[in-house]
């Protein structure tokens, strides 16, 4: 019986007309990548043949630059410097900032940066 009352109340809210003040705010869109900088292999990481992925969280600021960057899932636990190279590269990325209701907003994104010796390059995915 309690569930029935709840569904009736929800139905009433859905039928009620929305005034301009009651309009829900749209969720922000994602930042758009404009400039990507790939991380460098450290000599120690290359010599040890370390390959894999670093997952980072990064705050994209309202001007499109990157603010705070944190390592969510490390690759080398600071042993070969690859995690720090990923952070250093991430801080150089530039975005068109996320927009919400016509205004730029800060947003935290997650980036998966890969290190591969086979390709002789690094790759990243926002």
N, C-alpha and C. Protein backbone atom coordinates (compact mmCIF):
# COMPACT_ATOMS: atom_id res chain seq x y z
N UNK A 1 0.82 -1.19 0.00
CA UNK A 1 0.00 0.00 0.00
C UNK A 1 0.86 1.25 0.00
N UNK A 2 1.96 1.21 0.70
CA UNK A 2 2.86 2.36 0.78
C UNK A 2 3.46 2.66 -0.60
N UNK A 3 3.79 1.64 -1.36
CA UNK A 3 4.36 1.81 -2.69
C UNK A 3 3.35 2.48 -3.61
N UNK A 4 2.08 2.13 -3.50
CA UNK A 4 1.03 2.71 -4.33
C UNK A 4 0.91 4.20 -4.08
N UNK A 5 0.95 4.62 -2.82
CA UNK A 5 0.87 6.04 -2.50
C UNK A 5 2.04 6.79 -3.11
N UNK A 6 3.22 6.23 -3.06
CA UNK A 6 4.40 6.88 -3.61
C UNK A 6 4.27 7.06 -5.11
N UNK A 7 3.78 6.06 -5.82
CA UNK A 7 3.65 6.16 -7.26
C UNK A 7 2.60 7.19 -7.65
N UNK A 8 1.53 7.32 -6.87
CA UNK A 8 0.51 8.33 -7.13
C UNK A 8 1.10 9.72 -6.95
N UNK A 9 1.89 9.92 -5.90
CA UNK A 9 2.53 11.22 -5.68
C UNK A 9 3.49 11.55 -6.81
N UNK A 10 4.28 10.59 -7.24
CA UNK A 10 5.19 10.84 -8.35
C UNK A 10 4.43 11.18 -9.61
N UNK A 11 3.31 10.52 -9.86
CA UNK A 11 2.49 10.81 -11.02
C UNK A 11 1.97 12.23 -10.98
N UNK A 12 1.58 12.73 -9.82
CA UNK A 12 1.10 14.10 -9.70
C UNK A 12 2.19 15.11 -10.03
N UNK A 13 3.42 14.83 -9.61
CA UNK A 13 4.52 15.74 -9.92
C UNK A 13 4.82 15.76 -11.42
N UNK A 14 4.68 14.63 -12.07
CA UNK A 14 4.95 14.56 -13.50
C UNK A 14 3.90 15.30 -14.32
N UNK A 15 2.67 15.35 -13.85
CA UNK A 15 1.59 16.02 -14.57
C UNK A 15 1.62 17.53 -14.37
N UNK A 16 2.07 17.98 -13.22
CA UNK A 16 2.05 19.41 -12.91
C UNK A 16 2.88 20.20 -13.91
N UNK A 17 2.35 21.34 -14.40
CA UNK A 17 3.11 22.15 -15.36
C UNK A 17 4.33 22.77 -14.67
N UNK A 18 5.40 22.96 -15.44
CA UNK A 18 6.62 23.53 -14.88
C UNK A 18 6.70 25.01 -15.23
N UNK A 19 6.97 25.82 -14.24
CA UNK A 19 7.19 27.24 -14.48
C UNK A 19 8.65 27.43 -14.83
N UNK A 20 9.02 28.62 -15.26
CA UNK A 20 10.41 28.90 -15.64
C UNK A 20 11.34 28.64 -14.46
N UNK A 21 10.89 28.96 -13.24
CA UNK A 21 11.75 28.75 -12.07
C UNK A 21 11.91 27.28 -11.74
N UNK A 22 10.94 26.46 -12.13
CA UNK A 22 10.97 25.05 -11.78
C UNK A 22 11.63 24.18 -12.86
N UNK A 23 12.07 24.77 -13.97
CA UNK A 23 12.71 24.00 -15.03
C UNK A 23 13.97 23.34 -14.49
N UNK A 24 14.16 22.06 -14.77
CA UNK A 24 15.40 21.41 -14.30
C UNK A 24 16.59 21.94 -15.08
N UNK A 25 17.72 22.05 -14.40
CA UNK A 25 18.95 22.49 -15.06
C UNK A 25 19.52 21.32 -15.84
N UNK A 26 20.00 21.60 -17.02
CA UNK A 26 20.58 20.55 -17.85
C UNK A 26 21.93 20.13 -17.26
N UNK A 27 22.28 18.89 -17.49
CA UNK A 27 23.58 18.43 -17.04
C UNK A 27 24.64 18.95 -18.00
N UNK A 28 25.85 19.17 -17.52
CA UNK A 28 26.89 19.71 -18.40
C UNK A 28 27.33 18.69 -19.44
N UNK A 29 27.77 19.21 -20.58
CA UNK A 29 28.36 18.33 -21.58
C UNK A 29 29.80 18.05 -21.19
N UNK A 30 30.45 17.13 -21.87
CA UNK A 30 31.83 16.77 -21.57
C UNK A 30 32.79 17.80 -22.17
N UNK A 31 33.94 18.01 -21.53
CA UNK A 31 34.95 18.86 -22.15
C UNK A 31 35.42 18.25 -23.47
N UNK A 32 35.80 19.10 -24.41
CA UNK A 32 36.27 18.63 -25.72
C UNK A 32 37.79 18.82 -25.79
N UNK A 33 38.51 17.75 -26.06
CA UNK A 33 39.97 17.79 -26.12
C UNK A 33 40.42 18.60 -27.33
N UNK A 34 41.26 19.61 -27.08
CA UNK A 34 41.82 20.44 -28.15
C UNK A 34 43.31 20.17 -28.37
N UNK A 35 44.02 19.89 -27.29
CA UNK A 35 45.47 19.64 -27.38
C UNK A 35 45.84 18.51 -26.44
N UNK A 36 46.44 17.46 -27.00
CA UNK A 36 46.88 16.31 -26.22
C UNK A 36 48.40 16.25 -26.23
N UNK A 37 48.98 16.04 -25.08
CA UNK A 37 50.43 15.84 -24.95
C UNK A 37 50.63 14.42 -24.43
N UNK A 38 51.40 13.64 -25.15
CA UNK A 38 51.65 12.25 -24.75
C UNK A 38 52.82 12.18 -23.77
N UNK A 39 52.73 11.28 -22.81
CA UNK A 39 53.82 11.17 -21.82
C UNK A 39 55.07 10.56 -22.44
N UNK A 40 56.21 10.94 -21.90
CA UNK A 40 57.49 10.39 -22.34
C UNK A 40 57.83 9.15 -21.52
N UNK A 41 58.48 8.21 -22.16
CA UNK A 41 59.05 7.08 -21.44
C UNK A 41 60.28 7.58 -20.70
N UNK A 42 60.44 7.15 -19.47
CA UNK A 42 61.68 7.45 -18.76
C UNK A 42 62.72 6.41 -19.20
N UNK A 43 64.01 6.74 -19.12
CA UNK A 43 65.04 5.74 -19.46
C UNK A 43 64.92 4.48 -18.60
N UNK A 44 64.56 4.67 -17.31
CA UNK A 44 64.43 3.53 -16.40
C UNK A 44 63.24 2.64 -16.80
N UNK A 45 62.13 3.26 -17.18
CA UNK A 45 60.95 2.51 -17.60
C UNK A 45 61.20 1.76 -18.90
N UNK A 46 61.92 2.38 -19.82
CA UNK A 46 62.26 1.73 -21.08
C UNK A 46 63.23 0.57 -20.84
N UNK A 47 64.23 0.78 -20.00
CA UNK A 47 65.22 -0.27 -19.72
C UNK A 47 64.57 -1.47 -19.03
N UNK A 48 63.58 -1.21 -18.19
CA UNK A 48 62.89 -2.30 -17.48
C UNK A 48 61.74 -2.88 -18.32
N UNK A 49 61.54 -2.34 -19.51
CA UNK A 49 60.49 -2.79 -20.43
C UNK A 49 59.10 -2.76 -19.78
N UNK A 50 58.82 -1.67 -19.07
CA UNK A 50 57.53 -1.51 -18.40
C UNK A 50 56.49 -1.06 -19.42
N UNK A 51 55.39 -1.79 -19.48
CA UNK A 51 54.27 -1.43 -20.34
C UNK A 51 52.99 -1.53 -19.53
N UNK A 52 52.00 -0.75 -19.91
CA UNK A 52 50.72 -0.81 -19.22
C UNK A 52 50.02 0.52 -19.25
N UNK A 53 49.08 0.68 -18.32
CA UNK A 53 48.23 1.85 -18.32
C UNK A 53 48.23 2.54 -16.95
N UNK A 54 48.15 3.86 -17.01
CA UNK A 54 47.98 4.70 -15.82
C UNK A 54 46.60 5.33 -15.94
N UNK A 55 45.79 5.26 -14.90
CA UNK A 55 44.50 5.92 -14.91
C UNK A 55 44.62 7.17 -14.04
N UNK A 56 44.22 8.31 -14.62
CA UNK A 56 44.32 9.60 -13.93
C UNK A 56 42.93 10.22 -13.80
N UNK A 57 42.75 11.00 -12.76
CA UNK A 57 41.60 11.89 -12.70
C UNK A 57 42.16 13.29 -12.82
N UNK A 58 41.49 14.11 -13.62
CA UNK A 58 41.98 15.47 -13.85
C UNK A 58 40.82 16.44 -13.84
N UNK A 59 41.02 17.59 -13.22
CA UNK A 59 40.00 18.62 -13.22
C UNK A 59 40.23 19.54 -14.41
N UNK A 60 39.24 19.60 -15.29
CA UNK A 60 39.28 20.54 -16.42
C UNK A 60 38.62 21.82 -15.93
N UNK A 61 39.39 22.90 -15.91
CA UNK A 61 38.92 24.18 -15.38
C UNK A 61 38.08 24.93 -16.40
N UNK A 62 37.44 26.00 -15.96
CA UNK A 62 36.54 26.75 -16.83
C UNK A 62 37.26 27.42 -18.01
N UNK A 63 38.57 27.59 -17.91
CA UNK A 63 39.31 28.16 -19.04
C UNK A 63 39.88 27.08 -19.97
N UNK A 64 39.57 25.80 -19.68
CA UNK A 64 40.01 24.70 -20.52
C UNK A 64 41.36 24.11 -20.15
N UNK A 65 42.03 24.69 -19.19
CA UNK A 65 43.30 24.13 -18.74
C UNK A 65 43.03 23.04 -17.71
N UNK A 66 44.06 22.29 -17.38
CA UNK A 66 43.93 21.19 -16.42
C UNK A 66 44.45 21.66 -15.07
N UNK A 67 43.63 21.45 -14.06
CA UNK A 67 44.01 21.80 -12.69
C UNK A 67 44.64 20.61 -12.01
N UNK A 68 44.04 20.19 -10.91
CA UNK A 68 44.58 19.09 -10.12
C UNK A 68 44.48 17.77 -10.88
N UNK A 69 45.57 17.00 -10.83
CA UNK A 69 45.63 15.68 -11.45
C UNK A 69 46.01 14.68 -10.36
N UNK A 70 45.27 13.57 -10.30
CA UNK A 70 45.59 12.52 -9.33
C UNK A 70 45.72 11.19 -10.05
N UNK A 71 46.60 10.36 -9.52
CA UNK A 71 46.78 9.01 -10.05
C UNK A 71 45.74 8.11 -9.39
N UNK A 72 44.84 7.56 -10.20
CA UNK A 72 43.79 6.67 -9.69
C UNK A 72 44.30 5.24 -9.66
N UNK A 73 44.96 4.83 -10.74
CA UNK A 73 45.54 3.48 -10.80
C UNK A 73 46.95 3.63 -11.38
N UNK A 74 47.99 3.46 -10.55
CA UNK A 74 49.36 3.63 -11.02
C UNK A 74 49.83 2.47 -11.89
N UNK A 75 50.86 2.73 -12.64
CA UNK A 75 51.50 1.70 -13.45
C UNK A 75 52.74 1.16 -12.75
N UNK A 76 53.57 2.05 -12.23
CA UNK A 76 54.86 1.61 -11.70
C UNK A 76 55.10 1.99 -10.24
N UNK A 77 54.06 2.51 -9.56
CA UNK A 77 54.20 2.85 -8.12
C UNK A 77 55.42 3.72 -7.85
N UNK A 78 55.69 4.68 -8.71
CA UNK A 78 56.80 5.63 -8.57
C UNK A 78 58.18 4.99 -8.69
N UNK A 79 58.25 3.77 -9.16
CA UNK A 79 59.54 3.08 -9.26
C UNK A 79 60.34 3.53 -10.49
N UNK A 80 59.65 3.75 -11.61
CA UNK A 80 60.33 4.10 -12.87
C UNK A 80 59.97 5.49 -13.39
N UNK A 81 59.11 6.20 -12.70
CA UNK A 81 58.76 7.57 -13.08
C UNK A 81 57.69 7.70 -14.16
N UNK A 82 57.08 6.58 -14.58
CA UNK A 82 56.09 6.65 -15.65
C UNK A 82 54.79 7.31 -15.16
N UNK A 83 54.40 7.04 -13.93
CA UNK A 83 53.20 7.69 -13.39
C UNK A 83 53.36 9.21 -13.39
N UNK A 84 54.53 9.68 -12.98
CA UNK A 84 54.78 11.11 -12.94
C UNK A 84 54.83 11.72 -14.35
N UNK A 85 55.34 10.96 -15.30
CA UNK A 85 55.36 11.43 -16.69
C UNK A 85 53.94 11.57 -17.23
N UNK A 86 53.05 10.67 -16.84
CA UNK A 86 51.65 10.75 -17.24
C UNK A 86 50.99 12.00 -16.65
N UNK A 87 51.25 12.27 -15.38
CA UNK A 87 50.71 13.47 -14.73
C UNK A 87 51.26 14.72 -15.41
N UNK A 88 52.55 14.75 -15.67
CA UNK A 88 53.19 15.89 -16.32
C UNK A 88 52.57 16.16 -17.69
N UNK A 89 52.33 15.11 -18.46
CA UNK A 89 51.72 15.26 -19.78
C UNK A 89 50.28 15.75 -19.65
N UNK A 90 49.52 15.18 -18.71
CA UNK A 90 48.12 15.54 -18.53
C UNK A 90 47.95 17.02 -18.22
N UNK A 91 48.86 17.58 -17.43
CA UNK A 91 48.77 18.99 -17.05
C UNK A 91 48.97 19.92 -18.25
N UNK A 92 49.45 19.38 -19.37
CA UNK A 92 49.66 20.20 -20.57
C UNK A 92 48.50 20.10 -21.56
N UNK A 93 47.52 19.26 -21.28
CA UNK A 93 46.37 19.13 -22.17
C UNK A 93 45.52 20.40 -22.10
N UNK A 94 44.82 20.68 -23.21
CA UNK A 94 43.93 21.84 -23.28
C UNK A 94 42.59 21.36 -23.82
N UNK A 95 41.52 21.87 -23.24
CA UNK A 95 40.16 21.47 -23.59
C UNK A 95 39.30 22.69 -23.90
N UNK A 96 38.23 22.45 -24.65
CA UNK A 96 37.11 23.36 -24.67
C UNK A 96 36.32 22.94 -23.44
N UNK A 97 36.10 23.84 -22.48
CA UNK A 97 35.51 23.41 -21.21
C UNK A 97 34.08 22.90 -21.36
N UNK A 98 33.67 22.14 -20.36
CA UNK A 98 32.28 21.67 -20.29
C UNK A 98 31.38 22.89 -20.12
N UNK A 99 30.18 22.82 -20.69
CA UNK A 99 29.22 23.91 -20.59
C UNK A 99 27.95 23.41 -19.91
N UNK A 100 27.40 24.25 -19.07
CA UNK A 100 26.13 23.94 -18.42
C UNK A 100 25.31 25.23 -18.41
N UNK A 101 24.14 25.17 -19.00
CA UNK A 101 23.25 26.33 -19.08
C UNK A 101 23.96 27.54 -19.66
N UNK A 102 24.80 27.31 -20.67
CA UNK A 102 25.47 28.40 -21.37
C UNK A 102 26.72 28.94 -20.69
N UNK A 103 27.14 28.34 -19.61
CA UNK A 103 28.33 28.82 -18.89
C UNK A 103 29.35 27.70 -18.76
N UNK A 104 30.63 28.06 -18.85
CA UNK A 104 31.70 27.09 -18.67
C UNK A 104 31.73 26.65 -17.21
N UNK A 105 31.92 25.33 -17.01
CA UNK A 105 32.00 24.78 -15.66
C UNK A 105 33.21 23.86 -15.56
N UNK A 106 33.75 23.75 -14.36
CA UNK A 106 34.84 22.81 -14.11
C UNK A 106 34.25 21.41 -14.05
N UNK A 107 35.06 20.41 -14.47
CA UNK A 107 34.58 19.03 -14.45
C UNK A 107 35.77 18.11 -14.26
N UNK A 108 35.57 17.06 -13.49
CA UNK A 108 36.60 16.04 -13.31
C UNK A 108 36.39 14.96 -14.37
N UNK A 109 37.47 14.61 -15.06
CA UNK A 109 37.42 13.55 -16.06
C UNK A 109 38.42 12.47 -15.67
N UNK A 110 38.27 11.31 -16.26
CA UNK A 110 39.20 10.20 -16.04
C UNK A 110 39.87 9.89 -17.36
N UNK A 111 41.18 9.72 -17.32
CA UNK A 111 41.97 9.47 -18.52
C UNK A 111 42.81 8.23 -18.31
N UNK A 112 42.81 7.37 -19.31
CA UNK A 112 43.56 6.13 -19.30
C UNK A 112 44.75 6.32 -20.26
N UNK A 113 45.96 6.47 -19.71
CA UNK A 113 47.16 6.67 -20.54
C UNK A 113 47.94 5.37 -20.61
N UNK A 114 48.27 4.97 -21.82
CA UNK A 114 48.98 3.71 -22.01
C UNK A 114 50.43 3.93 -22.41
N UNK A 115 51.28 3.04 -21.93
CA UNK A 115 52.70 3.01 -22.30
C UNK A 115 52.96 1.68 -23.00
N UNK A 116 53.48 1.74 -24.23
CA UNK A 116 53.75 0.53 -24.99
C UNK A 116 55.06 0.67 -25.73
N UNK A 117 55.96 -0.28 -25.53
CA UNK A 117 57.23 -0.27 -26.24
C UNK A 117 57.09 -0.82 -27.66
N UNK A 118 56.11 -1.68 -27.88
CA UNK A 118 55.90 -2.27 -29.21
C UNK A 118 55.59 -1.21 -30.24
N UNK A 119 54.73 -0.26 -29.86
CA UNK A 119 54.37 0.82 -30.76
C UNK A 119 55.41 1.92 -30.74
N UNK A 120 56.34 1.84 -29.77
CA UNK A 120 57.35 2.87 -29.57
C UNK A 120 56.72 4.24 -29.35
N UNK A 121 55.55 4.22 -28.75
CA UNK A 121 54.82 5.45 -28.48
C UNK A 121 53.91 5.22 -27.28
N UNK A 122 53.28 6.25 -26.82
CA UNK A 122 52.30 6.13 -25.76
C UNK A 122 50.94 6.48 -26.33
N UNK A 123 49.90 6.01 -25.70
CA UNK A 123 48.55 6.32 -26.15
C UNK A 123 47.73 6.76 -24.96
N UNK A 124 46.67 7.51 -25.24
CA UNK A 124 45.80 7.97 -24.15
C UNK A 124 44.37 8.03 -24.65
N UNK A 125 43.45 7.89 -23.70
CA UNK A 125 42.02 7.97 -24.01
C UNK A 125 41.34 8.75 -22.91
N UNK A 126 40.71 9.90 -23.24
CA UNK A 126 39.95 10.62 -22.20
C UNK A 126 38.66 9.90 -21.90
